[in-house]
């Protein structure tokens, strides 16, 4: 219907509450009226439009159909069919109040006046911000005064003030008493005699006898002799092996019948097999079943045409 060569076949489907049947019959371009339970089938291969009359009440759930709302447009573009409806998938546009509320308003006159730079408002601001420099009092207070006479007198080096200071600081050396006390005296006769090595004194044979190596006494030799293992120790350390009770307790028993039954692989039950079966892509549940999408255009075309022929009768010769 436009200059780009698109051929548009539009069929309005649905009944609006605000539009009467008489007005629709008088509208220009109306090709017919869709009665209750009637249908229109648009063949996606031949692009034929076929009307059908219902054989019985249409089972919406069985067909897996959904409501189109106020209406729908079916059109052809090149060699493909398209449908456009007023479902929730159509993007909602902003109504006039929303557009007005979100429109950028810019700055109002009061905002412009409030944000205008005012500069210095009066002579008092200029006077307050003028650099004043140092006042006479500040200059006088910050002038370097140097050292006063009292400071010079206090800092003067006085040296040694009197003869008594010179006398006190003169090195005196060692006095006679100190020289005598620090003279090395050596060892006195008593010290020499006390430090002489005496060795073993002859008159004290007890010292010589006490330091003579005695060796081991018979009692020590007997006490240190290796005794080996006594009969009681040999009996206690003999390897006894496993007793009959231990052998019975450690014997491998294997799996009992109850364990074998419990560990036997049971496989998947029918419920598990049904639950794990691949169902494809599901949509909403329809009467306890799920609609399955199959990526096969020929099969989809066959199912759609079969569903139309099962539920509606047509005048088209087969």
Protein backbone atom coordinates (compact mmCIF):
# COMPACT_ATOMS: atom_id res chain seq x y z
CA UNK A 1 0.00 0.00 0.00
CA UNK A 2 3.04 2.30 0.05
CA UNK A 3 5.69 3.28 -2.50
CA UNK A 4 8.26 0.75 -1.25
CA UNK A 5 6.38 -2.13 -2.84
CA UNK A 6 4.97 -3.66 0.32
CA UNK A 7 1.67 -5.41 -0.16
CA UNK A 8 -0.32 -5.07 2.99
CA UNK A 9 -3.22 -7.32 3.91
CA UNK A 10 -4.71 -6.10 7.16
CA UNK A 11 -7.53 -7.81 8.96
CA UNK A 12 -8.87 -6.28 12.12
CA UNK A 13 -9.74 -9.04 14.60
CA UNK A 14 -11.79 -8.49 17.75
CA UNK A 15 -14.80 -6.54 18.94
CA UNK A 16 -14.50 -3.20 20.66
CA UNK A 17 -17.20 -2.30 23.17
CA UNK A 18 -17.36 1.29 21.99
CA UNK A 19 -17.81 0.38 18.29
CA UNK A 20 -21.24 -0.85 17.19
CA UNK A 21 -21.86 -3.55 14.58
CA UNK A 22 -23.74 -1.12 12.31
CA UNK A 23 -20.84 1.35 12.25
CA UNK A 24 -18.42 -1.41 11.31
CA UNK A 25 -20.67 -2.61 8.48
CA UNK A 26 -20.77 0.88 7.03
CA UNK A 27 -17.01 1.45 7.34
CA UNK A 28 -15.13 1.70 4.07
CA UNK A 29 -12.97 -1.34 3.22
CA UNK A 30 -14.80 -3.86 5.45
CA UNK A 31 -14.64 -7.28 3.76
CA UNK A 32 -16.94 -9.04 6.17
CA UNK A 33 -17.99 -9.67 9.76
CA UNK A 34 -16.49 -12.32 12.05
CA UNK A 35 -19.36 -14.13 13.72
CA UNK A 36 -19.16 -15.95 17.03
CA UNK A 37 -16.78 -18.94 16.95
CA UNK A 38 -15.86 -18.21 13.30
CA UNK A 39 -12.24 -17.93 12.24
CA UNK A 40 -9.95 -16.67 9.51
CA UNK A 41 -6.94 -18.70 8.37
CA UNK A 42 -4.16 -16.93 6.47
CA UNK A 43 -2.04 -19.49 4.61
CA UNK A 44 1.61 -18.60 5.04
CA UNK A 45 2.61 -20.39 1.82
CA UNK A 46 -0.13 -19.48 -0.64
CA UNK A 47 -1.22 -16.32 1.24
CA UNK A 48 -4.85 -17.28 0.78
CA UNK A 49 -7.36 -15.95 3.32
CA UNK A 50 -9.83 -18.71 4.27
CA UNK A 51 -12.86 -18.22 6.46
CA UNK A 52 -14.13 -21.05 8.60
CA UNK A 53 -17.29 -21.84 10.52
CA UNK A 54 -17.01 -23.59 13.84
CA UNK A 55 -18.04 -27.22 14.12
CA UNK A 56 -18.68 -26.75 17.83
CA UNK A 57 -17.76 -24.35 20.60
CA UNK A 58 -14.11 -23.43 20.21
CA UNK A 59 -11.85 -24.84 22.95
CA UNK A 60 -9.40 -21.99 23.54
CA UNK A 61 -7.27 -24.01 25.97
CA UNK A 62 -6.93 -26.93 23.59
CA UNK A 63 -5.66 -24.65 20.83
CA UNK A 64 -3.28 -22.88 23.23
CA UNK A 65 -4.57 -19.51 22.01
CA UNK A 66 -4.30 -16.19 23.77
CA UNK A 67 -6.48 -13.10 23.72
CA UNK A 68 -5.44 -10.33 21.32
CA UNK A 69 -7.25 -7.57 23.17
CA UNK A 70 -8.78 -4.66 21.21
CA UNK A 71 -7.68 -6.05 17.85
CA UNK A 72 -4.85 -7.35 15.69
CA UNK A 73 -3.29 -6.60 12.30
CA UNK A 74 -2.07 -9.40 10.04
CA UNK A 75 0.02 -8.21 7.13
CA UNK A 76 2.38 -9.54 4.50
CA UNK A 77 5.83 -8.12 3.86
CA UNK A 78 7.65 -9.72 0.96
CA UNK A 79 7.11 -13.46 1.46
CA UNK A 80 6.48 -13.42 5.22
CA UNK A 81 3.41 -12.93 7.40
CA UNK A 82 3.40 -10.66 10.45
CA UNK A 83 0.87 -9.96 13.18
CA UNK A 84 0.71 -6.87 15.36
CA UNK A 85 -1.58 -6.71 18.37
CA UNK A 86 -2.14 -4.43 21.33
CA UNK A 87 -0.61 -6.81 23.87
CA UNK A 88 1.68 -5.93 26.69
CA UNK A 89 4.67 -6.39 24.40
CA UNK A 90 3.87 -3.10 22.60
CA UNK A 91 5.91 -0.30 24.16
CA UNK A 92 3.75 2.16 26.06
CA UNK A 93 4.24 5.80 25.17
CA UNK A 94 4.22 8.73 27.54
CA UNK A 95 0.93 10.59 27.78
CA UNK A 96 0.73 14.37 27.77
CA UNK A 97 1.05 14.89 31.58
CA UNK A 98 4.19 12.77 31.63
CA UNK A 99 5.71 14.65 28.71
CA UNK A 100 4.91 18.00 30.35
CA UNK A 101 6.35 16.87 33.69
CA UNK A 102 9.63 15.63 32.14
CA UNK A 103 10.20 18.59 29.81
CA UNK A 104 13.37 20.53 30.74
CA UNK A 105 12.27 23.95 31.93
CA UNK A 106 15.64 25.67 32.21
CA UNK A 107 16.24 28.41 34.76
CA UNK A 108 13.36 30.62 35.81
CA UNK A 109 13.83 34.40 36.16
CA UNK A 110 14.06 34.09 39.93
CA UNK A 111 16.77 31.44 39.59
CA UNK A 112 18.75 33.57 37.14
CA UNK A 113 18.52 36.58 39.47
CA UNK A 114 19.57 34.47 42.48
CA UNK A 115 22.59 32.96 40.67
CA UNK A 116 23.86 36.23 39.12
CA UNK A 117 27.28 37.26 40.47
CA UNK A 118 26.76 40.43 42.49
CA UNK A 119 30.39 41.42 43.09
CA UNK A 120 31.10 43.76 45.99
CA UNK A 121 27.79 45.17 47.10
CA UNK A 122 28.79 48.50 48.64
CA UNK A 123 31.68 50.81 49.48
CA UNK A 124 31.89 49.22 52.92
CA UNK A 125 32.84 45.84 51.33
CA UNK A 126 35.51 47.52 49.19
CA UNK A 127 36.86 49.38 52.20
CA UNK A 128 36.86 46.20 54.34
CA UNK A 129 38.81 44.19 51.71
CA UNK A 130 41.39 46.94 50.89
CA UNK A 131 44.94 45.98 52.03
CA UNK A 132 45.85 48.35 54.87
CA UNK A 133 49.54 47.56 55.34
CA UNK A 134 51.24 47.87 58.75
CA UNK A 135 50.08 50.53 61.15
CA UNK A 136 52.62 52.65 63.08
CA UNK A 137 52.07 50.60 66.21
CA UNK A 138 52.77 47.38 64.30
CA UNK A 139 55.95 48.81 62.73
CA UNK A 140 57.22 49.93 66.14
CA UNK A 141 56.43 46.56 67.68
CA UNK A 142 58.20 44.60 64.90
CA UNK A 143 61.37 46.82 64.77
CA UNK A 144 64.60 44.97 65.71
CA UNK A 145 65.82 46.43 69.00
CA UNK A 146 69.25 44.77 69.28
CA UNK A 147 70.87 44.08 72.66
CA UNK A 148 70.23 46.42 75.51
CA UNK A 149 73.05 47.53 77.87
CA UNK A 150 71.92 45.12 80.53
CA UNK A 151 71.97 42.23 78.03
CA UNK A 152 75.51 43.12 76.88
CA UNK A 153 76.73 43.22 80.48
CA UNK A 154 75.10 39.87 81.26
CA UNK A 155 76.61 38.21 78.15
CA UNK A 156 80.19 39.47 78.74
CA UNK A 157 82.78 36.76 79.50
CA UNK A 158 83.98 37.31 83.05
CA UNK A 159 86.98 34.92 83.13
CA UNK A 160 88.41 33.92 86.47
CA UNK A 161 87.18 36.40 88.99
CA UNK A 162 89.85 36.20 91.73
CA UNK A 163 93.07 34.57 92.83
CA UNK A 164 91.12 32.05 94.82
CA UNK A 165 89.58 30.68 91.56
CA UNK A 166 93.04 30.41 89.98
CA UNK A 167 94.38 28.65 93.04
CA UNK A 168 91.46 26.25 93.16
CA UNK A 169 91.87 25.25 89.50
CA UNK A 170 95.70 24.78 89.59
CA UNK A 171 96.78 21.11 89.18
CA UNK A 172 98.22 19.94 92.47
CA UNK A 173 99.72 16.60 91.48
CA UNK A 174 100.01 13.71 93.96
CA UNK A 175 100.59 14.47 97.57
CA UNK A 176 103.04 12.44 99.64
CA UNK A 177 100.21 10.53 101.27
CA UNK A 178 98.81 9.61 97.89
CA UNK A 179 102.18 8.49 96.55
CA UNK A 180 102.71 6.28 99.58
CA UNK A 181 99.26 4.77 99.29
CA UNK A 182 99.64 3.96 95.58
CA UNK A 183 103.14 2.41 95.82
CA UNK A 184 103.25 -1.28 94.83
CA UNK A 185 103.99 -3.25 97.97
CA UNK A 186 104.52 -6.75 96.47
CA UNK A 187 103.78 -9.92 98.37
CA UNK A 188 104.43 -10.05 102.06
CA UNK A 189 106.08 -13.12 103.59
CA UNK A 190 102.77 -14.31 104.94
CA UNK A 191 101.20 -14.07 101.49
CA UNK A 192 104.08 -15.92 99.84
CA UNK A 193 103.82 -18.76 102.32
CA UNK A 194 100.03 -18.95 101.94
CA UNK A 195 100.18 -19.09 98.11
CA UNK A 196 102.97 -21.72 97.88
CA UNK A 197 101.90 -24.99 96.24
CA UNK A 198 101.95 -27.65 98.91
CA UNK A 199 101.17 -30.79 96.85
CA UNK A 200 100.25 -33.90 98.76
CA UNK A 201 101.48 -33.66 102.26
CA UNK A 202 103.47 -36.65 103.49
CA UNK A 203 102.17 -36.40 106.96
CA UNK A 204 98.62 -36.64 105.73
CA UNK A 205 98.58 -40.12 104.22
CA UNK A 206 94.80 -39.86 104.41
CA UNK A 207 94.89 -37.37 101.49
CA UNK A 208 97.01 -39.65 99.34
CA UNK A 209 94.87 -42.65 100.17
CA UNK A 210 91.66 -40.69 99.56
CA UNK A 211 92.80 -39.62 96.05
CA UNK A 212 94.13 -43.02 94.99
CA UNK A 213 91.90 -44.69 92.29
CA UNK A 214 90.18 -47.62 93.92
CA UNK A 215 88.47 -49.26 90.90
CA UNK A 216 85.16 -51.09 91.28
CA UNK A 217 84.27 -52.95 94.42
CA UNK A 218 82.91 -56.44 94.15
CA UNK A 219 79.48 -55.13 95.03
CA UNK A 220 79.65 -52.61 92.15
CA UNK A 221 80.82 -55.25 89.66
CA UNK A 222 77.97 -57.50 90.67
CA UNK A 223 75.45 -54.67 90.42
CA UNK A 224 76.66 -53.59 86.93
CA UNK A 225 76.88 -57.10 85.45
CA UNK A 226 74.46 -57.59 82.47
CA UNK A 227 71.74 -59.90 83.68
CA UNK A 228 69.90 -60.46 80.37
CA UNK A 229 66.19 -61.22 80.30
CA UNK A 230 64.73 -63.21 83.07
CA UNK A 231 62.35 -66.05 82.37
CA UNK A 232 59.39 -63.89 83.41
CA UNK A 233 60.47 -61.13 80.97
CA UNK A 234 60.98 -63.62 78.11
CA UNK A 235 57.52 -65.06 78.71
CA UNK A 236 55.96 -61.60 78.85
CA UNK A 237 57.64 -60.44 75.59
CA UNK A 238 56.96 -63.58 73.59
CA UNK A 239 54.72 -62.92 70.53
CA UNK A 240 51.41 -64.56 71.25
CA UNK A 241 49.74 -64.02 67.83
CA UNK A 242 45.98 -63.54 67.48
CA UNK A 243 43.68 -65.39 69.76
CA UNK A 244 40.68 -67.24 68.39
CA UNK A 245 38.37 -64.48 69.59
CA UNK A 246 40.48 -61.84 67.77
CA UNK A 247 40.60 -63.90 64.57
CA UNK A 248 36.83 -64.31 64.66
CA UNK A 249 36.29 -60.60 65.28
CA UNK A 250 38.65 -59.50 62.43
CA UNK A 251 37.37 -61.97 59.85
CA UNK A 252 35.89 -60.22 56.75
CA UNK A 253 32.19 -60.89 56.86
CA UNK A 254 31.28 -59.41 53.45
CA UNK A 255 27.91 -57.79 52.79
CA UNK A 256 24.86 -59.17 54.49
CA UNK A 257 21.72 -59.85 52.49
CA UNK A 258 20.14 -56.67 53.83
CA UNK A 259 23.16 -54.62 52.75
CA UNK A 260 23.23 -56.17 49.28
CA UNK A 261 19.54 -55.39 48.82
CA UNK A 262 19.99 -51.83 50.02
CA UNK A 263 23.00 -51.17 47.73
CA UNK A 264 21.54 -52.77 44.61
CA UNK A 265 21.19 -50.27 41.71
CA UNK A 266 17.48 -49.75 41.20
CA UNK A 267 17.64 -47.55 38.08
CA UNK A 268 15.15 -44.77 37.40
CA UNK A 269 11.51 -45.32 38.29
CA UNK A 270 8.77 -44.38 35.83
CA UNK A 271 8.13 -41.17 37.75
CA UNK A 272 11.81 -40.19 37.50
CA UNK A 273 11.95 -41.01 33.78
CA UNK A 274 8.84 -38.88 33.16
CA UNK A 275 10.22 -36.03 35.27
CA UNK A 276 13.62 -36.02 33.49
CA UNK A 277 12.24 -36.23 29.94
CA UNK A 278 13.27 -33.21 27.83
CA UNK A 279 10.15 -31.17 27.20
CA UNK A 280 11.65 -28.41 25.03
CA UNK A 281 10.81 -24.78 25.69
CA UNK A 282 7.63 -24.48 27.74
CA UNK A 283 5.26 -21.56 28.08
CA UNK A 284 2.29 -21.25 30.41
CA UNK A 285 0.51 -24.43 31.49
CA UNK A 286 -2.67 -25.19 29.53
CA UNK A 287 -5.11 -27.61 31.20
CA UNK A 288 -2.30 -29.48 32.97
CA UNK A 289 -0.22 -29.68 29.77
CA UNK A 290 2.54 -27.51 28.33
CA UNK A 291 2.80 -26.03 24.87
CA UNK A 292 6.07 -27.04 23.22
CA UNK A 293 7.86 -24.93 20.63
CA UNK A 294 9.50 -26.94 17.85
CA UNK A 295 11.94 -25.23 15.51
CA UNK A 296 10.46 -26.80 12.39
CA UNK A 297 8.50 -24.42 10.10
CA UNK A 298 6.93 -27.24 8.09
CA UNK A 299 5.69 -29.02 11.20
CA UNK A 300 4.36 -25.77 12.67
CA UNK A 301 2.50 -25.07 9.40
CA UNK A 302 1.03 -28.61 9.44
CA UNK A 303 -0.15 -28.33 13.05
CA UNK A 304 -1.71 -24.91 12.48
CA UNK A 305 -3.58 -26.03 9.37
CA UNK A 306 -4.72 -29.25 11.04
CA UNK A 307 -6.04 -27.39 14.06
CA UNK A 308 -7.99 -25.06 11.75
CA UNK A 309 -9.54 -27.96 9.80
CA UNK A 310 -10.46 -29.84 12.98
CA UNK A 311 -12.35 -26.95 14.54
CA UNK A 312 -13.82 -25.09 11.55
CA UNK A 313 -15.44 -26.00 8.23
CA UNK A 314 -14.57 -24.20 5.02
CA UNK A 315 -15.89 -23.99 1.46
CA UNK A 316 -12.49 -24.54 -0.06
CA UNK A 317 -12.20 -27.76 -2.03
CA UNK A 318 -9.46 -30.05 -0.88
